[in-house]
Protein backbone atom coordinates (compact mmCIF):
# COMPACT_ATOMS: atom_id res chain seq x y z
CA MET A 1 25.39 101.36 -139.58
CA LYS A 2 28.02 101.46 -136.92
CA LYS A 3 30.65 98.92 -135.60
CA THR A 4 31.13 100.66 -132.31
CA ARG A 5 28.26 98.95 -130.55
CA TRP A 6 29.41 95.45 -130.36
CA SER A 7 33.08 96.22 -129.74
CA ALA A 8 32.14 98.74 -127.01
CA VAL A 9 29.79 96.25 -125.33
CA ALA A 10 32.64 93.73 -125.38
CA VAL A 11 34.94 95.99 -123.65
CA VAL A 12 32.41 97.09 -121.08
CA ALA A 13 31.35 93.46 -120.56
CA ALA A 14 34.92 92.46 -119.74
CA ALA A 15 35.20 95.36 -117.37
CA ALA A 16 31.89 94.34 -115.66
CA ILE A 17 33.30 91.07 -114.63
CA ALA A 18 35.43 92.94 -112.02
CA LEU A 19 32.88 95.51 -111.20
CA THR A 20 29.81 93.40 -110.60
CA GLY A 21 31.38 90.54 -108.67
CA CYS A 22 28.64 88.09 -107.64
CA GLY A 23 26.16 90.63 -106.37
CA ARG A 24 23.51 92.73 -108.11
CA THR A 25 24.81 96.19 -108.63
CA SER A 26 21.58 97.76 -107.35
CA ASP A 27 21.49 95.91 -104.16
CA THR A 28 21.83 99.22 -102.37
CA GLY A 29 18.80 100.59 -104.08
CA SER A 30 15.35 101.12 -102.66
CA GLY A 31 13.75 98.15 -104.52
CA ALA A 32 11.49 98.02 -107.55
CA ALA A 33 8.39 100.21 -107.84
CA GLU A 34 5.07 98.58 -108.47
CA ALA A 35 3.57 98.74 -111.99
CA SER A 36 1.71 101.94 -112.58
CA THR A 37 -0.19 103.46 -115.57
CA ILE A 38 0.82 106.39 -117.67
CA GLY A 39 -2.63 107.52 -118.86
CA ASP A 40 -3.54 109.62 -121.86
CA ALA A 41 -2.34 113.06 -120.86
CA LYS A 42 0.53 114.71 -122.68
CA ALA A 43 4.13 114.56 -121.18
CA GLU A 44 5.19 117.53 -119.21
CA GLY A 45 8.09 118.89 -117.15
CA THR A 46 11.71 118.20 -117.71
CA LEU A 47 13.04 114.72 -118.52
CA THR A 48 16.65 113.59 -118.09
CA MET A 49 17.89 110.74 -120.17
CA TRP A 50 21.19 109.01 -120.74
CA ALA A 51 22.01 107.22 -123.91
CA MET A 52 25.34 105.75 -125.14
CA GLY A 53 27.38 105.88 -128.28
CA ALA A 54 25.78 106.94 -131.58
CA GLU A 55 22.36 106.93 -129.96
CA GLY A 56 23.46 109.57 -127.42
CA GLU A 57 24.58 111.68 -130.24
CA ALA A 58 21.53 111.35 -132.33
CA LEU A 59 18.73 111.54 -129.75
CA PRO A 60 18.88 115.34 -128.79
CA ALA A 61 17.72 116.36 -132.29
CA PHE A 62 15.44 113.32 -132.85
CA VAL A 63 13.35 113.94 -129.52
CA LYS A 64 12.49 117.37 -130.74
CA GLN A 65 9.52 115.71 -132.49
CA PHE A 66 8.29 114.34 -129.06
CA GLU A 67 8.75 117.74 -127.58
CA GLU A 68 6.71 119.34 -130.37
CA ALA A 69 3.93 116.92 -129.83
CA ASN A 70 4.08 117.47 -126.11
CA PRO A 71 4.67 121.30 -125.72
CA GLY A 72 5.04 121.14 -121.99
CA VAL A 73 7.99 118.73 -121.90
CA THR A 74 11.72 119.32 -122.35
CA VAL A 75 13.99 116.35 -122.86
CA GLU A 76 17.73 116.70 -121.77
CA VAL A 77 19.72 113.95 -123.30
CA THR A 78 23.21 113.21 -121.84
CA PRO A 79 25.49 111.24 -124.25
CA VAL A 80 27.51 108.67 -122.24
CA PRO A 81 30.56 106.89 -123.76
CA TRP A 82 30.03 103.07 -123.79
CA ASP A 83 33.27 102.42 -121.97
CA ALA A 84 32.19 104.65 -119.05
CA ALA A 85 28.45 103.78 -119.03
CA TYR A 86 28.44 100.77 -116.73
CA SER A 87 30.38 102.38 -113.86
CA LYS A 88 28.37 105.66 -114.39
CA PHE A 89 25.15 103.72 -113.78
CA GLN A 90 26.65 102.10 -110.64
CA THR A 91 27.74 105.35 -109.21
CA ALA A 92 24.49 107.08 -109.96
CA ILE A 93 22.42 104.23 -108.46
CA ALA A 94 24.46 104.19 -105.33
CA GLY A 95 24.31 107.97 -105.00
CA GLY A 96 20.53 108.20 -105.82
CA ASN A 97 21.15 110.62 -108.63
CA THR A 98 20.04 108.65 -111.67
CA PRO A 99 18.30 110.35 -114.62
CA ASP A 100 14.63 109.78 -115.22
CA LEU A 101 15.23 107.14 -117.93
CA ALA A 102 18.19 105.60 -119.88
CA MET A 103 19.06 103.37 -122.69
CA VAL A 104 20.31 100.15 -121.01
CA GLY A 105 22.27 97.27 -122.79
CA SER A 106 20.09 94.20 -123.02
CA THR A 107 22.58 92.07 -121.11
CA TRP A 108 22.80 94.66 -118.26
CA MET A 109 19.20 94.51 -117.08
CA ALA A 110 19.82 91.91 -114.35
CA ASP A 111 22.63 94.02 -112.96
CA PHE A 112 20.45 97.21 -112.69
CA GLY A 113 17.01 95.68 -112.46
CA ASP A 114 16.43 96.49 -108.77
CA ALA A 115 16.78 100.21 -109.55
CA LEU A 116 14.35 100.19 -112.51
CA GLN A 117 10.63 100.69 -112.46
CA THR A 118 8.25 97.99 -113.67
CA VAL A 119 6.76 98.74 -117.09
CA PRO A 120 3.24 100.43 -116.71
CA THR A 121 0.39 98.19 -117.39
CA ASP A 122 -1.06 100.37 -120.19
CA LEU A 123 2.26 100.58 -122.17
CA SER A 124 1.84 97.81 -124.76
CA THR A 125 4.77 95.71 -125.80
CA ASP A 126 2.64 93.70 -128.27
CA GLY A 127 4.51 93.05 -131.57
CA ILE A 128 7.95 93.32 -130.24
CA PHE A 129 10.40 90.46 -131.00
CA PRO A 130 9.79 87.86 -128.21
CA GLY A 131 13.64 87.32 -127.61
CA ALA A 132 14.07 91.06 -127.03
CA ILE A 133 11.07 91.02 -124.52
CA ASP A 134 12.79 88.20 -122.64
CA SER A 135 15.85 90.36 -122.09
CA THR A 136 13.79 92.80 -120.06
CA MET A 137 12.21 90.20 -117.67
CA ILE A 138 13.77 89.96 -114.28
CA ASP A 139 11.96 87.33 -112.05
CA ASP A 140 8.87 87.64 -114.31
CA ARG A 141 8.88 91.51 -113.94
CA ALA A 142 9.29 93.70 -117.06
CA THR A 143 12.02 96.22 -116.21
CA GLY A 144 12.17 97.98 -119.55
CA VAL A 145 11.00 98.07 -123.16
CA PRO A 146 13.21 96.89 -126.02
CA TRP A 147 14.29 99.81 -128.22
CA TYR A 148 16.54 98.37 -130.95
CA VAL A 149 17.66 94.87 -131.61
CA ASP A 150 20.56 93.01 -132.93
CA THR A 151 21.23 89.44 -133.99
CA ARG A 152 23.77 87.34 -135.83
CA VAL A 153 23.16 85.87 -139.27
CA LEU A 154 25.32 84.18 -141.92
CA TYR A 155 27.12 86.49 -144.43
CA TYR A 156 28.53 84.77 -147.70
CA ARG A 157 30.03 85.85 -150.95
CA THR A 158 27.51 84.91 -153.57
CA ASP A 159 30.15 85.18 -156.39
CA ILE A 160 32.47 82.60 -154.79
CA ALA A 161 29.59 80.37 -153.68
CA ALA A 162 28.48 80.34 -157.45
CA GLN A 163 31.99 79.29 -158.41
CA ALA A 164 31.68 76.60 -155.73
CA GLY A 165 28.32 75.29 -157.19
CA TRP A 166 26.13 77.03 -154.45
CA ASN A 167 23.34 79.28 -155.78
CA GLU A 168 21.36 79.31 -152.49
CA ALA A 169 22.23 79.70 -148.87
CA PRO A 170 22.88 76.56 -146.79
CA THR A 171 19.90 75.55 -144.67
CA THR A 172 21.35 72.80 -142.51
CA TRP A 173 24.46 72.29 -140.50
CA ASP A 174 25.64 69.67 -143.07
CA ASP A 175 25.08 72.12 -145.82
CA LEU A 176 27.02 74.88 -144.08
CA LYS A 177 30.08 72.76 -143.66
CA GLN A 178 29.91 71.34 -147.18
CA MET A 179 29.51 74.80 -148.61
CA ALA A 180 32.48 76.07 -146.67
CA ALA A 181 34.60 73.16 -147.88
CA ASP A 182 33.53 73.83 -151.47
CA MET A 183 34.36 77.44 -151.06
CA GLN A 184 37.90 76.34 -150.53
CA SER A 185 38.19 73.44 -152.96
CA LYS A 186 36.18 74.92 -155.96
CA GLY A 187 35.93 78.75 -155.02
CA GLY A 188 39.52 79.42 -154.41
CA ALA A 189 39.14 80.58 -150.81
CA ASP A 190 41.96 80.12 -148.28
CA TYR A 191 39.23 79.02 -145.64
CA GLY A 192 35.54 78.48 -145.96
CA ILE A 193 34.29 80.30 -142.90
CA ARG A 194 35.22 82.29 -139.92
CA PHE A 195 33.39 81.99 -136.52
CA PRO A 196 33.43 84.71 -133.77
CA ALA A 197 36.53 84.38 -131.64
CA GLY A 198 37.93 86.28 -128.61
CA ASN A 199 35.79 88.48 -126.36
CA ASP A 200 32.07 87.62 -126.71
CA SER A 201 32.88 84.48 -128.75
CA PHE A 202 30.64 82.33 -126.45
CA GLN A 203 27.77 84.62 -126.96
CA GLY A 204 28.56 84.83 -130.71
CA ASN A 205 28.50 81.11 -131.04
CA VAL A 206 25.74 80.22 -128.69
CA TRP A 207 23.42 79.77 -131.74
CA MET A 208 25.00 76.28 -132.19
CA PRO A 209 23.83 74.80 -128.78
CA TRP A 210 20.55 76.67 -129.00
CA SER A 211 19.86 75.41 -132.51
CA ASN A 212 20.64 71.86 -131.28
CA GLY A 213 18.00 72.01 -128.59
CA ALA A 214 20.22 73.02 -125.58
CA GLU A 215 19.30 75.56 -122.89
CA LEU A 216 21.79 77.49 -120.84
CA GLU A 217 19.96 77.31 -117.57
CA ASP A 218 16.65 75.87 -116.25
CA GLY A 219 15.66 78.68 -113.96
CA SER A 220 17.38 77.30 -110.87
CA LYS A 221 20.87 76.33 -112.21
CA TRP A 222 23.16 76.47 -115.23
CA THR A 223 22.66 73.60 -117.68
CA LEU A 224 25.87 73.92 -119.79
CA ASP A 225 27.30 70.45 -119.72
CA THR A 226 24.64 68.60 -121.81
CA PRO A 227 24.83 66.21 -124.77
CA GLU A 228 23.25 68.78 -126.93
CA THR A 229 25.82 71.53 -126.20
CA ALA A 230 28.69 69.00 -126.37
CA GLU A 231 27.54 67.93 -129.92
CA ALA A 232 27.14 71.59 -130.95
CA PHE A 233 30.74 72.38 -129.97
CA GLU A 234 32.00 69.18 -131.58
CA TYR A 235 30.47 70.51 -134.75
CA TYR A 236 32.21 73.88 -134.07
CA GLN A 237 35.63 72.23 -133.47
CA SER A 238 35.30 70.07 -136.66
CA PHE A 239 35.59 73.10 -138.85
CA TYR A 240 39.01 73.65 -137.34
CA THR A 241 40.23 70.11 -137.23
CA ASP A 242 39.11 69.54 -140.80
CA GLY A 243 40.87 72.74 -142.05
CA VAL A 244 37.71 74.47 -143.13
CA ALA A 245 38.25 77.33 -140.68
CA ASN A 246 41.57 78.88 -139.58
CA PRO A 247 42.22 78.47 -135.92
CA ALA A 248 44.97 81.03 -136.14
CA ALA A 249 43.09 83.65 -138.14
CA ASP A 250 44.07 87.22 -137.56
CA ARG A 251 41.73 88.62 -134.97
CA SER A 252 42.77 92.22 -135.08
CA ALA A 253 40.20 94.96 -135.91
CA GLY A 254 39.16 94.89 -139.53
CA ALA A 255 40.84 91.51 -140.33
CA GLN A 256 37.63 89.53 -140.85
CA GLU A 257 36.16 92.32 -143.10
CA ALA A 258 39.35 92.45 -145.07
CA ASP A 259 39.45 88.68 -145.52
CA PHE A 260 35.79 88.69 -146.64
CA VAL A 261 36.19 91.41 -149.20
CA SER A 262 39.38 89.79 -150.59
CA GLY A 263 37.62 86.41 -150.79
CA LYS A 264 40.18 84.70 -148.56
CA THR A 265 37.34 83.81 -146.03
CA PRO A 266 34.04 84.23 -147.83
CA MET A 267 31.62 83.27 -144.96
CA LEU A 268 31.26 84.59 -141.48
CA ILE A 269 28.71 85.09 -138.74
CA ASP A 270 28.02 88.66 -137.50
CA GLY A 271 25.54 91.41 -136.83
CA PRO A 272 23.77 94.07 -139.06
CA PHE A 273 26.44 96.70 -138.67
CA LEU A 274 28.72 94.72 -140.85
CA ILE A 275 26.58 95.43 -143.93
CA GLY A 276 27.77 99.09 -144.21
CA GLN A 277 31.31 98.25 -143.32
CA LEU A 278 31.56 95.61 -145.99
CA GLU A 279 30.04 97.88 -148.61
CA GLU A 280 32.36 100.70 -147.71
CA LEU A 281 35.46 98.54 -147.66
CA GLY A 282 34.44 96.59 -150.83
CA GLY A 283 33.66 99.74 -152.83
CA GLU A 284 31.23 100.22 -155.68
CA GLY A 285 29.47 97.20 -156.72
CA PHE A 286 30.63 94.98 -153.81
CA SER A 287 27.06 94.96 -152.43
CA ASP A 288 26.16 92.71 -155.42
CA LYS A 289 28.76 90.17 -154.31
CA PHE A 290 27.48 89.19 -150.93
CA THR A 291 24.26 88.47 -149.12
CA THR A 292 22.92 87.37 -145.77
CA ALA A 293 20.90 84.35 -144.63
CA VAL A 294 19.41 82.96 -141.47
CA LEU A 295 21.69 80.59 -139.69
CA PRO A 296 21.58 77.05 -140.87
CA ALA A 297 19.34 74.80 -138.72
CA LYS A 298 19.82 71.62 -136.76
CA GLU A 299 16.78 71.23 -134.52
CA SER A 300 16.06 74.95 -135.11
CA SER A 301 17.80 78.17 -136.35
CA THR A 302 18.16 80.08 -133.04
CA SER A 303 20.45 83.10 -132.95
CA PHE A 304 21.32 85.54 -130.16
CA SER A 305 19.08 88.44 -129.59
CA GLY A 306 20.89 91.68 -128.39
CA GLY A 307 20.46 95.39 -128.53
CA ALA A 308 19.33 97.94 -126.00
CA ASN A 309 16.28 98.56 -123.82
CA LEU A 310 14.67 101.73 -122.47
CA ALA A 311 14.15 101.76 -118.78
CA VAL A 312 12.94 104.28 -116.17
CA PHE A 313 14.57 104.60 -112.83
CA ASP A 314 12.87 104.05 -109.50
CA ASN A 315 13.70 107.40 -108.27
CA SER A 316 12.44 109.37 -111.29
CA ASP A 317 10.60 112.53 -110.33
CA ASN A 318 8.76 112.49 -113.60
CA ALA A 319 8.05 108.88 -114.24
CA ALA A 320 4.73 109.12 -116.10
CA SER A 321 6.25 111.52 -118.68
CA ALA A 322 9.38 109.34 -118.85
CA TRP A 323 7.24 106.25 -119.84
CA LYS A 324 5.41 108.41 -122.42
CA LEU A 325 8.78 109.05 -124.19
CA VAL A 326 9.46 105.32 -123.99
CA GLN A 327 6.09 104.71 -125.54
CA TRP A 328 6.69 107.24 -128.27
CA LEU A 329 10.29 105.76 -129.01
CA THR A 330 8.73 102.26 -129.39
CA GLU A 331 5.89 103.15 -131.76
CA PRO A 332 6.35 101.51 -135.15
CA GLU A 333 6.51 104.90 -137.04
CA THR A 334 9.02 106.27 -134.58
CA GLN A 335 11.09 103.05 -134.86
CA ALA A 336 11.13 103.40 -138.64
CA ALA A 337 12.24 106.92 -138.41
CA TRP A 338 14.94 106.03 -135.89
CA TYR A 339 16.23 103.33 -138.21
CA ALA A 340 16.53 105.97 -141.02
CA GLU A 341 18.36 108.20 -138.75
CA THR A 342 20.73 105.69 -137.05
CA GLY A 343 20.51 102.31 -138.69
CA ASP A 344 19.24 100.66 -135.46
CA LEU A 345 17.01 97.74 -136.22
CA PRO A 346 13.56 98.17 -134.85
CA ALA A 347 12.40 96.02 -131.91
CA VAL A 348 8.88 96.48 -133.07
CA GLN A 349 7.98 94.01 -135.85
CA ASP A 350 5.48 96.40 -137.56
CA ALA A 351 8.27 98.85 -138.18
CA TRP A 352 9.94 96.32 -140.51
CA LYS A 353 7.00 96.94 -143.00
CA ASP A 354 8.59 100.34 -143.80
CA ASP A 355 9.96 100.39 -147.36
CA ALA A 356 13.55 101.12 -146.19
CA LEU A 357 13.65 97.89 -144.25
CA ALA A 358 11.29 95.70 -146.40
CA SER A 359 13.10 96.44 -149.64
CA SER A 360 16.61 95.53 -148.25
CA LYS A 361 17.74 92.11 -149.46
CA THR A 362 20.49 91.99 -146.81
CA LEU A 363 18.27 93.01 -143.99
CA ALA A 364 15.55 90.51 -144.62
CA ALA A 365 17.54 87.70 -143.01
CA PHE A 366 17.84 89.71 -139.74
CA GLY A 367 14.10 90.25 -139.63
CA THR A 368 13.39 86.49 -140.05
CA GLN A 369 16.18 85.51 -137.64
CA LEU A 370 14.83 87.82 -134.92
CA GLU A 371 11.55 85.98 -134.93
CA THR A 372 13.32 83.10 -133.23
CA ALA A 373 16.29 84.69 -131.66
CA LYS A 374 16.82 84.35 -127.80
CA SER A 375 18.29 86.60 -125.29
CA VAL A 376 20.98 85.28 -122.91
CA PRO A 377 19.89 84.60 -119.35
CA ALA A 378 19.03 87.80 -117.51
CA VAL A 379 21.12 87.07 -114.42
CA THR A 380 24.02 88.90 -112.86
CA THR A 381 26.52 86.21 -113.39
CA TRP A 382 26.08 85.90 -117.12
CA VAL A 383 28.98 88.07 -117.92
CA GLN A 384 31.37 85.91 -115.89
CA VAL A 385 29.95 82.66 -117.22
CA ALA A 386 30.26 83.97 -120.74
CA ALA A 387 33.90 85.08 -120.19
CA ALA A 388 34.64 81.55 -118.94
CA GLY A 389 32.90 80.28 -122.13
CA ASP A 390 35.13 82.54 -124.28
CA ALA A 391 38.15 80.85 -122.68
CA MET A 392 36.62 77.42 -123.26
CA LEU A 393 36.00 78.11 -126.95
CA GLU A 394 39.53 79.47 -127.37
CA LYS A 395 40.97 76.13 -126.19
CA ILE A 396 38.51 74.12 -128.26
CA ARG A 397 39.34 76.14 -131.41
CA LEU A 398 43.07 75.62 -130.92
CA GLY A 399 42.64 71.87 -130.29
CA GLN A 400 43.79 72.17 -126.82
CA GLN A 401 40.64 70.74 -125.17
CA SER A 402 37.77 68.61 -126.16
CA PRO A 403 34.24 69.95 -125.93
CA ALA A 404 33.31 67.34 -123.27
CA ASP A 405 36.22 68.39 -121.02
CA GLY A 406 35.68 72.03 -121.72
CA LEU A 407 31.98 71.88 -120.80
CA LYS A 408 32.77 69.98 -117.60
CA GLU A 409 34.97 72.80 -116.43
CA LEU A 410 32.47 75.51 -117.59
CA GLN A 411 29.70 73.79 -115.69
CA ALA A 412 31.86 73.70 -112.49
CA THR A 413 32.71 77.37 -112.87
CA ALA A 414 29.05 78.27 -113.50
CA ASP A 415 27.85 76.18 -110.58
CA GLN A 416 30.23 78.11 -108.36
CA LEU A 417 28.90 81.46 -109.61
CA GLY A 418 25.30 80.40 -109.47
CA LEU A 419 22.51 82.36 -111.30
CA GLY A 420 23.02 85.50 -109.20
């Protein structure tokens, strides 16, 4: 599995702050098409598709199966670098020269939603993780279909946990903090746990407010400054003030992986791509020294649902065939095959019954976590609000601001931005 996805999205998200401003990118578009149907006929004609990162590299060979099943169709895939994708979408929409369909980051849907068709009524999305479905909904309109999914879970060193007296994963917030402290005092770790920091840290730590019953918005306004969110970030800050987490931890690329493998910091919160990286860095046998678990619960265990969706553009000349390709890419068998090819976690729950996924002890936690994971608000101001949240958490982590004061400022910033 690949690390490039999250880091690339983080870079693009930061750039998007300046690019999007407060208006929807596709305001100059012609508006959303009505929902149609795709029927039973085979796909035909030429389809143009954009896909980013490793997906863009793997798709050209993978869609040959779709072409073989639909002899009259040709799929032309254009790989697009993640760091150029957002501006390329903007330029194409403004110029009216978009492809037929594209892979779209799950947090970009609001920005480009006006230029995307509504999902046809006969394209079933039953059995897709609900948090992933939510990421496609713009004003109650489905603007795409989840392709692959991502979420954050707890990673921990089982060998060091055993030394510290823990033979099972923590299930509550109190357990998590105690286990982290025991990892230090009894397991020999420098620090017990590392939380996401820097770019995307608000998104990476939003599981705490969500798991404490908080909501980020109520449909008409942001609801960030609430007792539930304040309590969640007081819990977050307590790890630093109590010395269980290191506020000055090295944030450079590869540092958290190195500290995890060395045992200096034997717990962290991250996505599925980290499994392969840790196994590679740790070498032979290291996969037996760590595992994953769903995030410890307070009121619930609610993590972030990310990934990428498939969408068809309004001005597609071959929309019916484009949706047939989307339909094929989201069938359980195709999703399982795509996982085998790329490591992308399937958005369709039935695909998780495939042996390659069902037999993995480290992937099981992701499948369970995705059942309750939530997507961030699909609004055009999310990137700006999340960036302000990143800055707030930086101050909280360093002890420069209380959660109460930080949330008051964050709420004021979000109120000025609105929901877009």
